[in-house]
Amino acid sequence: MGMASCRDSSVSAVSRHAIALGIVWHMTHVVQVSLHLLSCNFIPRSFHLLSVLLVLSYMFMVYVISANLYVSSYLVTHTSEH
């Protein structure tokens, strides 16, 4: 029983790390695309501040989510060992 629960927690930790990495990769891709659109003047000047604020809020949200996943997976793996 104890080994099965340890194995389940390690699998969930690995999947959480994969989810966090996927979120961070997606965030960097969105930032790259938006910066490319800004540099090509595809977005009008009046929307520059709005798009920058949108990207920053998106980045902040994704960092909070990934940090939460990382901390929860860290706590799950280290509390199950003891």
PDB file of N, CA and C in Angstrom:
ATOM      1  N   MET A   1       0.826  -1.189   0.000  1.00  0.00           N
ATOM      2  CA  MET A   1       0.000   0.000   0.000  1.00  0.00           C
ATOM      3  C   MET A   1       0.868   1.249   0.000  1.00  0.00           C
ATOM      4  N   GLY A   2       1.887   1.243   0.867  1.00  0.00           N
ATOM      5  CA  GLY A   2       2.732   2.427   0.966  1.00  0.00           C
ATOM      6  C   GLY A   2       3.505   2.693  -0.308  1.00  0.00           C
ATOM      7  N   MET A   3       3.969   1.625  -0.956  1.00  0.00           N
ATOM      8  CA  MET A   3       4.735   1.804  -2.190  1.00  0.00           C
ATOM      9  C   MET A   3       3.845   2.309  -3.309  1.00  0.00           C
ATOM     10  N   ALA A   4       2.612   1.838  -3.347  1.00  0.00           N
ATOM     11  CA  ALA A   4       1.701   2.286  -4.409  1.00  0.00           C
ATOM     12  C   ALA A   4       1.396   3.771  -4.263  1.00  0.00           C
ATOM     13  N   SER A   5       1.178   4.218  -3.024  1.00  0.00           N
ATOM     14  CA  SER A   5       0.870   5.637  -2.833  1.00  0.00           C
ATOM     15  C   SER A   5       2.085   6.499  -3.159  1.00  0.00           C
ATOM     16  N   CYS A   6       3.270   6.011  -2.848  1.00  0.00           N
ATOM     17  CA  CYS A   6       4.491   6.761  -3.181  1.00  0.00           C
ATOM     18  C   CYS A   6       4.646   6.856  -4.688  1.00  0.00           C
ATOM     19  N   ARG A   7       4.378   5.742  -5.381  1.00  0.00           N
ATOM     20  CA  ARG A   7       4.502   5.745  -6.835  1.00  0.00           C
ATOM     21  C   ARG A   7       3.459   6.672  -7.455  1.00  0.00           C
ATOM     22  N   ASP A   8       2.242   6.695  -6.925  1.00  0.00           N
ATOM     23  CA  ASP A   8       1.203   7.580  -7.441  1.00  0.00           C
ATOM     24  C   ASP A   8       1.585   9.044  -7.247  1.00  0.00           C
ATOM     25  N   SER A   9       2.155   9.358  -6.084  1.00  0.00           N
ATOM     26  CA  SER A   9       2.524  10.753  -5.841  1.00  0.00           C
ATOM     27  C   SER A   9       3.660  11.180  -6.756  1.00  0.00           C
ATOM     28  N   SER A  10       4.607  10.266  -7.047  1.00  0.00           N
ATOM     29  CA  SER A  10       5.700  10.644  -7.937  1.00  0.00           C
ATOM     30  C   SER A  10       5.194  10.833  -9.362  1.00  0.00           C
ATOM     31  N   VAL A  11       4.236  10.008  -9.770  1.00  0.00           N
ATOM     32  CA  VAL A  11       3.656  10.168 -11.109  1.00  0.00           C
ATOM     33  C   VAL A  11       2.910  11.490 -11.215  1.00  0.00           C
ATOM     34  N   SER A  12       2.147  11.828 -10.167  1.00  0.00           N
ATOM     35  CA  SER A  12       1.418  13.095 -10.210  1.00  0.00           C
ATOM     36  C   SER A  12       2.386  14.274 -10.188  1.00  0.00           C
ATOM     37  N   ALA A  13       3.524  14.121  -9.477  1.00  0.00           N
ATOM     38  CA  ALA A  13       4.513  15.195  -9.470  1.00  0.00           C
ATOM     39  C   ALA A  13       5.123  15.378 -10.851  1.00  0.00           C
ATOM     40  N   VAL A  14       5.406  14.264 -11.526  1.00  0.00           N
ATOM     41  CA  VAL A  14       5.963  14.356 -12.880  1.00  0.00           C
ATOM     42  C   VAL A  14       4.964  14.999 -13.826  1.00  0.00           C
ATOM     43  N   SER A  15       3.696  14.611 -13.718  1.00  0.00           N
ATOM     44  CA  SER A  15       2.691  15.206 -14.606  1.00  0.00           C
ATOM     45  C   SER A  15       2.504  16.688 -14.308  1.00  0.00           C
ATOM     46  N   ARG A  16       2.610  17.077 -13.033  1.00  0.00           N
ATOM     47  CA  ARG A  16       2.497  18.493 -12.704  1.00  0.00           C
ATOM     48  C   ARG A  16       3.675  19.277 -13.258  1.00  0.00           C
ATOM     49  N   HIS A  17       4.868  18.693 -13.195  1.00  0.00           N
ATOM     50  CA  HIS A  17       6.029  19.361 -13.793  1.00  0.00           C
ATOM     51  C   HIS A  17       5.839  19.508 -15.309  1.00  0.00           C
ATOM     52  N   ALA A  18       5.307  18.478 -15.941  1.00  0.00           N
ATOM     53  CA  ALA A  18       5.078  18.553 -17.386  1.00  0.00           C
ATOM     54  C   ALA A  18       4.055  19.628 -17.718  1.00  0.00           C
ATOM     55  N   ILE A  19       2.989  19.713 -16.912  1.00  0.00           N
ATOM     56  CA  ILE A  19       1.974  20.744 -17.137  1.00  0.00           C
ATOM     57  C   ILE A  19       2.579  22.135 -16.958  1.00  0.00           C
ATOM     58  N   ALA A  20       3.387  22.303 -15.900  1.00  0.00           N
ATOM     59  CA  ALA A  20       4.002  23.608 -15.656  1.00  0.00           C
ATOM     60  C   ALA A  20       4.942  23.991 -16.793  1.00  0.00           C
ATOM     61  N   LEU A  21       5.729  23.032 -17.277  1.00  0.00           N
ATOM     62  CA  LEU A  21       6.632  23.323 -18.393  1.00  0.00           C
ATOM     63  C   LEU A  21       5.858  23.662 -19.660  1.00  0.00           C
ATOM     64  N   GLY A  22       4.757  22.960 -19.884  1.00  0.00           N
ATOM     65  CA  GLY A  22       3.932  23.269 -21.050  1.00  0.00           C
ATOM     66  C   GLY A  22       3.325  24.655 -20.977  1.00  0.00           C
ATOM     67  N   ILE A  23       2.889  25.043 -19.776  1.00  0.00           N
ATOM     68  CA  ILE A  23       2.314  26.379 -19.601  1.00  0.00           C
ATOM     69  C   ILE A  23       3.370  27.443 -19.850  1.00  0.00           C
ATOM     70  N   VAL A  24       4.571  27.236 -19.307  1.00  0.00           N
ATOM     71  CA  VAL A  24       5.636  28.225 -19.487  1.00  0.00           C
ATOM     72  C   VAL A  24       6.036  28.313 -20.954  1.00  0.00           C
ATOM     73  N   TRP A  25       6.116  27.164 -21.653  1.00  0.00           N
ATOM     74  CA  TRP A  25       6.456  27.185 -23.075  1.00  0.00           C
ATOM     75  C   TRP A  25       5.397  27.936 -23.868  1.00  0.00           C
ATOM     76  N   HIS A  26       4.131  27.681 -23.558  1.00  0.00           N
ATOM     77  CA  HIS A  26       3.035  28.369 -24.251  1.00  0.00           C
ATOM     78  C   HIS A  26       3.096  29.869 -23.985  1.00  0.00           C
ATOM     79  N   MET A  27       3.416  30.243 -22.758  1.00  0.00           N
ATOM     80  CA  MET A  27       3.503  31.660 -22.408  1.00  0.00           C
ATOM     81  C   MET A  27       4.616  32.344 -23.202  1.00  0.00           C
ATOM     82  N   THR A  28       5.788  31.710 -23.280  1.00  0.00           N
ATOM     83  CA  THR A  28       6.887  32.320 -24.028  1.00  0.00           C
ATOM     84  C   THR A  28       6.543  32.429 -25.512  1.00  0.00           C
ATOM     85  N   HIS A  29       5.822  31.449 -26.043  1.00  0.00           N
ATOM     86  CA  HIS A  29       5.420  31.511 -27.442  1.00  0.00           C
ATOM     87  C   HIS A  29       4.462  32.671 -27.681  1.00  0.00           C
ATOM     88  N   VAL A  30       3.502  32.848 -26.786  1.00  0.00           N
ATOM     89  CA  VAL A  30       2.550  33.960 -26.922  1.00  0.00           C
ATOM     90  C   VAL A  30       3.278  35.298 -26.817  1.00  0.00           C
ATOM     91  N   VAL A  31       4.239  35.403 -25.905  1.00  0.00           N
ATOM     92  CA  VAL A  31       4.998  36.648 -25.762  1.00  0.00           C
ATOM     93  C   VAL A  31       5.806  36.923 -27.019  1.00  0.00           C
ATOM     94  N   GLN A  32       6.436  35.895 -27.591  1.00  0.00           N
ATOM     95  CA  GLN A  32       7.218  36.083 -28.813  1.00  0.00           C
ATOM     96  C   GLN A  32       6.341  36.549 -29.967  1.00  0.00           C
ATOM     97  N   VAL A  33       5.173  35.939 -30.116  1.00  0.00           N
ATOM     98  CA  VAL A  33       4.268  36.331 -31.203  1.00  0.00           C
ATOM     99  C   VAL A  33       3.786  37.761 -31.015  1.00  0.00           C
ATOM    100  N   SER A  34       3.420  38.117 -29.778  1.00  0.00           N
ATOM    101  CA  SER A  34       2.918  39.470 -29.554  1.00  0.00           C
ATOM    102  C   SER A  34       4.015  40.510 -29.755  1.00  0.00           C
ATOM    103  N   LEU A  35       5.241  40.199 -29.320  1.00  0.00           N
ATOM    104  CA  LEU A  35       6.340  41.138 -29.552  1.00  0.00           C
ATOM    105  C   LEU A  35       6.651  41.262 -31.040  1.00  0.00           C
ATOM    106  N   HIS A  36       6.531  40.169 -31.775  1.00  0.00           N
ATOM    107  CA  HIS A  36       6.755  40.232 -33.218  1.00  0.00           C
ATOM    108  C   HIS A  36       5.700  41.105 -33.895  1.00  0.00           C
ATOM    109  N   LEU A  37       4.440  40.964 -33.463  1.00  0.00           N
ATOM    110  CA  LEU A  37       3.379  41.795 -34.035  1.00  0.00           C
ATOM    111  C   LEU A  37       3.598  43.264 -33.689  1.00  0.00           C
ATOM    112  N   LEU A  38       4.063  43.529 -32.457  1.00  0.00           N
ATOM    113  CA  LEU A  38       4.326  44.914 -32.075  1.00  0.00           C
ATOM    114  C   LEU A  38       5.477  45.494 -32.889  1.00  0.00           C
ATOM    115  N   SER A  39       6.525  44.696 -33.116  1.00  0.00           N
ATOM    116  CA  SER A  39       7.683  45.214 -33.836  1.00  0.00           C
ATOM    117  C   SER A  39       7.375  45.423 -35.315  1.00  0.00           C
ATOM    118  N   CYS A  40       6.436  44.670 -35.853  1.00  0.00           N
ATOM    119  CA  CYS A  40       6.071  44.823 -37.263  1.00  0.00           C
ATOM    120  C   CYS A  40       5.005  45.884 -37.480  1.00  0.00           C
ATOM    121  N   ASN A  41       4.615  46.583 -36.401  1.00  0.00           N
ATOM    122  CA  ASN A  41       3.572  47.619 -36.475  1.00  0.00           C
ATOM    123  C   ASN A  41       2.263  47.060 -37.002  1.00  0.00           C
ATOM    124  N   PHE A  42       2.037  45.765 -36.757  1.00  0.00           N
ATOM    125  CA  PHE A  42       0.768  45.166 -37.164  1.00  0.00           C
ATOM    126  C   PHE A  42      -0.356  45.667 -36.268  1.00  0.00           C
ATOM    127  N   ILE A  43      -0.032  45.873 -34.997  1.00  0.00           N
ATOM    128  CA  ILE A  43      -1.014  46.407 -34.048  1.00  0.00           C
ATOM    129  C   ILE A  43      -0.890  47.930 -34.051  1.00  0.00           C
ATOM    130  N   PRO A  44      -1.975  48.664 -34.121  1.00  0.00           N
ATOM    131  CA  PRO A  44      -1.887  50.131 -34.091  1.00  0.00           C
ATOM    132  C   PRO A  44      -1.259  50.637 -32.798  1.00  0.00           C
ATOM    133  N   ARG A  45      -0.709  51.834 -32.872  1.00  0.00           N
ATOM    134  CA  ARG A  45       0.006  52.412 -31.733  1.00  0.00           C
ATOM    135  C   ARG A  45      -0.879  52.543 -30.497  1.00  0.00           C
ATOM    136  N   SER A  46      -2.154  52.831 -30.699  1.00  0.00           N
ATOM    137  CA  SER A  46      -3.039  53.029 -29.547  1.00  0.00           C
ATOM    138  C   SER A  46      -3.240  51.745 -28.758  1.00  0.00           C
ATOM    139  N   PHE A  47      -3.005  50.606 -29.385  1.00  0.00           N
ATOM    140  CA  PHE A  47      -3.193  49.330 -28.701  1.00  0.00           C
ATOM    141  C   PHE A  47      -1.905  48.789 -28.088  1.00  0.00           C
ATOM    142  N   HIS A  48      -0.806  49.511 -28.240  1.00  0.00           N
ATOM    143  CA  HIS A  48       0.458  49.006 -27.722  1.00  0.00           C
ATOM    144  C   HIS A  48       0.413  48.838 -26.211  1.00  0.00           C
ATOM    145  N   LEU A  49      -0.026  49.868 -25.518  1.00  0.00           N
ATOM    146  CA  LEU A  49      -0.064  49.792 -24.060  1.00  0.00           C
ATOM    147  C   LEU A  49      -1.021  48.710 -23.599  1.00  0.00           C
ATOM    148  N   LEU A  50      -2.170  48.619 -24.267  1.00  0.00           N
ATOM    149  CA  LEU A  50      -3.154  47.605 -23.902  1.00  0.00           C
ATOM    150  C   LEU A  50      -2.595  46.202 -24.114  1.00  0.00           C
ATOM    151  N   SER A  51      -1.925  45.980 -25.225  1.00  0.00           N
ATOM    152  CA  SER A  51      -1.388  44.646 -25.496  1.00  0.00           C
ATOM    153  C   SER A  51      -0.241  44.313 -24.554  1.00  0.00           C
ATOM    154  N   VAL A  52       0.579  45.302 -24.213  1.00  0.00           N
ATOM    155  CA  VAL A  52       1.666  45.061 -23.261  1.00  0.00           C
ATOM    156  C   VAL A  52       1.093  44.708 -21.894  1.00  0.00           C
ATOM    157  N   LEU A  53       0.067  45.432 -21.462  1.00  0.00           N
ATOM    158  CA  LEU A  53      -0.569  45.115 -20.182  1.00  0.00           C
ATOM    159  C   LEU A  53      -1.218  43.735 -20.211  1.00  0.00           C
ATOM    160  N   LEU A  54      -1.807  43.385 -21.340  1.00  0.00           N
ATOM    161  CA  LEU A  54      -2.424  42.070 -21.471  1.00  0.00           C
ATOM    162  C   LEU A  54      -1.378  40.967 -21.384  1.00  0.00           C
ATOM    163  N   VAL A  55      -0.255  41.147 -22.064  1.00  0.00           N
ATOM    164  CA  VAL A  55       0.818  40.150 -22.028  1.00  0.00           C
ATOM    165  C   VAL A  55       1.403  40.041 -20.625  1.00  0.00           C
ATOM    166  N   LEU A  56       1.591  41.187 -19.959  1.00  0.00           N
ATOM    167  CA  LEU A  56       2.149  41.153 -18.600  1.00  0.00           C
ATOM    168  C   LEU A  56       1.199  40.463 -17.626  1.00  0.00           C
ATOM    169  N   SER A  57      -0.090  40.737 -17.749  1.00  0.00           N
ATOM    170  CA  SER A  57      -1.043  40.076 -16.853  1.00  0.00           C
ATOM    171  C   SER A  57      -1.110  38.576 -17.142  1.00  0.00           C
ATOM    172  N   TYR A  58      -1.010  38.211 -18.425  1.00  0.00           N
ATOM    173  CA  TYR A  58      -0.995  36.795 -18.800  1.00  0.00           C
ATOM    174  C   TYR A  58       0.245  36.111 -18.236  1.00  0.00           C
ATOM    175  N   MET A  59       1.398  36.780 -18.354  1.00  0.00           N
ATOM    176  CA  MET A  59       2.630  36.218 -17.810  1.00  0.00           C
ATOM    177  C   MET A  59       2.523  36.032 -16.305  1.00  0.00           C
ATOM    178  N   PHE A  60       1.980  37.032 -15.617  1.00  0.00           N
ATOM    179  CA  PHE A  60       1.850  36.942 -14.167  1.00  0.00           C
ATOM    180  C   PHE A  60       0.940  35.784 -13.773  1.00  0.00           C
ATOM    181  N   MET A  61      -0.181  35.641 -14.487  1.00  0.00           N
ATOM    182  CA  MET A  61      -1.109  34.563 -14.189  1.00  0.00           C
ATOM    183  C   MET A  61      -0.443  33.205 -14.399  1.00  0.00           C
ATOM    184  N   VAL A  62       0.296  33.062 -15.493  1.00  0.00           N
ATOM    185  CA  VAL A  62       0.931  31.780 -15.783  1.00  0.00           C
ATOM    186  C   VAL A  62       2.034  31.482 -14.777  1.00  0.00           C
ATOM    187  N   TYR A  63       2.799  32.509 -14.380  1.00  0.00           N
ATOM    188  CA  TYR A  63       3.822  32.279 -13.363  1.00  0.00           C
ATOM    189  C   TYR A  63       3.204  31.848 -12.042  1.00  0.00           C
ATOM    190  N   VAL A  64       2.086  32.446 -11.665  1.00  0.00           N
ATOM    191  CA  VAL A  64       1.419  32.058 -10.415  1.00  0.00           C
ATOM    192  C   VAL A  64       0.939  30.613 -10.502  1.00  0.00           C
ATOM    193  N   ILE A  65       0.343  30.247 -11.636  1.00  0.00           N
ATOM    194  CA  ILE A  65      -0.155  28.881 -11.793  1.00  0.00           C
ATOM    195  C   ILE A  65       0.996  27.880 -11.768  1.00  0.00           C
ATOM    196  N   SER A  66       2.077  28.162 -12.508  1.00  0.00           N
ATOM    197  CA  SER A  66       3.187  27.215 -12.552  1.00  0.00           C
ATOM    198  C   SER A  66       3.901  27.129 -11.213  1.00  0.00           C
ATOM    199  N   ALA A  67       4.031  28.260 -10.519  1.00  0.00           N
ATOM    200  CA  ALA A  67       4.650  28.221  -9.195  1.00  0.00           C
ATOM    201  C   ALA A  67       3.782  27.436  -8.227  1.00  0.00           C
ATOM    202  N   ASN A  68       2.478  27.598  -8.329  1.00  0.00           N
ATOM    203  CA  ASN A  68       1.571  26.839  -7.465  1.00  0.00           C
ATOM    204  C   ASN A  68       1.688  25.344  -7.736  1.00  0.00           C
ATOM    205  N   LEU A  69       1.739  24.961  -9.001  1.00  0.00           N
ATOM    206  CA  LEU A  69       1.899  23.548  -9.341  1.00  0.00           C
ATOM    207  C   LEU A  69       3.237  23.006  -8.843  1.00  0.00           C
ATOM    208  N   TYR A  70       4.285  23.802  -9.004  1.00  0.00           N
ATOM    209  CA  TYR A  70       5.607  23.346  -8.577  1.00  0.00           C
ATOM    210  C   TYR A  70       5.665  23.165  -7.065  1.00  0.00           C
ATOM    211  N   VAL A  71       5.133  24.147  -6.330  1.00  0.00           N
ATOM    212  CA  VAL A  71       5.160  24.064  -4.866  1.00  0.00           C
ATOM    213  C   VAL A  71       4.305  22.905  -4.382  1.00  0.00           C
ATOM    214  N   SER A  72       3.129  22.719  -4.987  1.00  0.00           N
ATOM    215  CA  SER A  72       2.263  21.631  -4.536  1.00  0.00           C
ATOM    216  C   SER A  72       2.897  20.276  -4.846  1.00  0.00           C
ATOM    217  N   SER A  73       3.541  20.131  -6.019  1.00  0.00           N
ATOM    218  CA  SER A  73       4.198  18.859  -6.328  1.00  0.00           C
ATOM    219  C   SER A  73       5.395  18.627  -5.413  1.00  0.00           C
ATOM    220  N   TYR A  74       6.119  19.708  -5.075  1.00  0.00           N
ATOM    221  CA  TYR A  74       7.245  19.587  -4.146  1.00  0.00           C
ATOM    222  C   TYR A  74       6.753  19.142  -2.777  1.00  0.00           C
ATOM    223  N   LEU A  75       5.662  19.750  -2.307  1.00  0.00           N
ATOM    224  CA  LEU A  75       5.127  19.385  -0.995  1.00  0.00           C
ATOM    225  C   LEU A  75       4.594  17.952  -1.001  1.00  0.00           C
ATOM    226  N   VAL A  76       3.950  17.546  -2.082  1.00  0.00           N
ATOM    227  CA  VAL A  76       3.409  16.187  -2.148  1.00  0.00           C
ATOM    228  C   VAL A  76       4.532  15.162  -2.102  1.00  0.00           C
ATOM    229  N   THR A  77       5.593  15.391  -2.856  1.00  0.00           N
ATOM    230  CA  THR A  77       6.672  14.405  -2.899  1.00  0.00           C
ATOM    231  C   THR A  77       7.444  14.371  -1.588  1.00  0.00           C
ATOM    232  N   HIS A  78       7.647  15.516  -0.956  1.00  0.00           N
ATOM    233  CA  HIS A  78       8.473  15.535   0.258  1.00  0.00           C
ATOM    234  C   HIS A  78       7.690  15.192   1.513  1.00  0.00           C
ATOM    235  N   THR A  79       6.381  15.401   1.514  1.00  0.00           N
ATOM    236  CA  THR A  79       5.613  14.987   2.687  1.00  0.00           C
ATOM    237  C   THR A  79       5.286  13.499   2.627  1.00  0.00           C
ATOM    238  N   SER A  80       5.242  12.912   1.434  1.00  0.00           N
ATOM    239  CA  SER A  80       4.950  11.481   1.335  1.00  0.00           C
ATOM    240  C   SER A  80       6.167  10.633   1.699  1.00  0.00           C
ATOM    241  N   GLU A  81       7.380  11.209   1.603  1.00  0.00           N
ATOM    242  CA  GLU A  81       8.577  10.444   1.949  1.00  0.00           C
ATOM    243  C   GLU A  81       8.686  10.235   3.446  1.00  0.00           C
ATOM    244  N   HIS A  82       8.214  11.186   4.235  1.00  0.00           N
ATOM    245  CA  HIS A  82       8.375  11.094   5.697  1.00  0.00           C
ATOM    246  C   HIS A  82       7.244  10.309   6.327  1.00  0.00           C
TER     247      HIS A  82
END
